[in-house]
């Protein structure tokens, strides 16, 4: 049994060399503080990738030698133990290799997520709340931070729409797999007759842009409105018109923020989301083929879903892009979506 060739990290090595050359220049930190900070973080990530690469490479080579020795000496116990360790290490390497697939320049960024209820009424609004819990659980499992920007509760239950950020290493790179329409099938707890309902929710994922990207917006293109907040945040939010709604007139993008007590802070956050969405539109224009293949989003209804979550008459989660299936629906709903993320990242390479 042979461990084969561990995947190539030539691009990582070359990029690390470029980053280190820039950071080694005497005046670079003084004249380019924002870029220097970003490159310093990137250097750390690249260095960790190489350290992990060497660890796995050496581990595979040692186990390969042990397996060959066990075969030569006909030591069944050692052979079984070595092969088990070998397969376990291969699984770790597969996960690590998938991290190296995050090659897009925006993959390292934080993510801005908007979840909107679609066809299905109260049932659909409850589905939005279930999906929110799923992503909060996923972020928590990876020690990522989340922050709710805007929240509109449902009429009877659940959430009509919600916008929040996920901050952590490669948050956008992983979560971009979730962009699209998500479909749920279950016996509705809101149906007195116990009938089965199909509900939909759309999820939009855009990278959170920082100072290294400039998005110019003409103030004349913005309509800015203030209103009294109605979402969570304590009694203070209802005493003053601290909530902000900004409409970008040329694109009709509407963003509102009401979760901060300060009107100024709400305005800053809303503008940040506007810029991120405009940046997302520009990315789609630059890569139309990729948009149509991987990010096309139709109506929030039947036939446009990227993933289905079936609770009845059987239990199954299926991704319609990669055809990956999972029978443990409860585990998925508790935030265990890594298998779907990894399958999507592999699918993007095809």
Foldseek 3Di string as FASTA:
>chain_A
DAPPDQDDDVVLVVVLVVLVVQLPDPCNCVPPVPVVVVSVVVNVVSVVLVVVVVVLVVVRVVLRVQCVVCVVVVPVVSNVVSVVVNVVSVVVSLLSVLVVLLPDPLQFFKKKKKKAWAPDAPQSQQVSQLVVLQAVLQLVVVVWDKDWFDFAAGPVHHTRMTIMITDDGRNLNLCVLQAEKEKEWDQDPPDPVRDIDITIMGMHMFGQDDPVDDDDDDPVQKDKDFAQDDDDADPLSRPDRLKIWIARNVVRDIFIGRNDSHSVVRVVVRVRVVRRVVVVVVVCVVPVVCCVLRPDYDHRDPPTGQWYAYPPPAGWIAGPQQRDIDRPSVVSSSHPCVVSSSSVSVSVVD
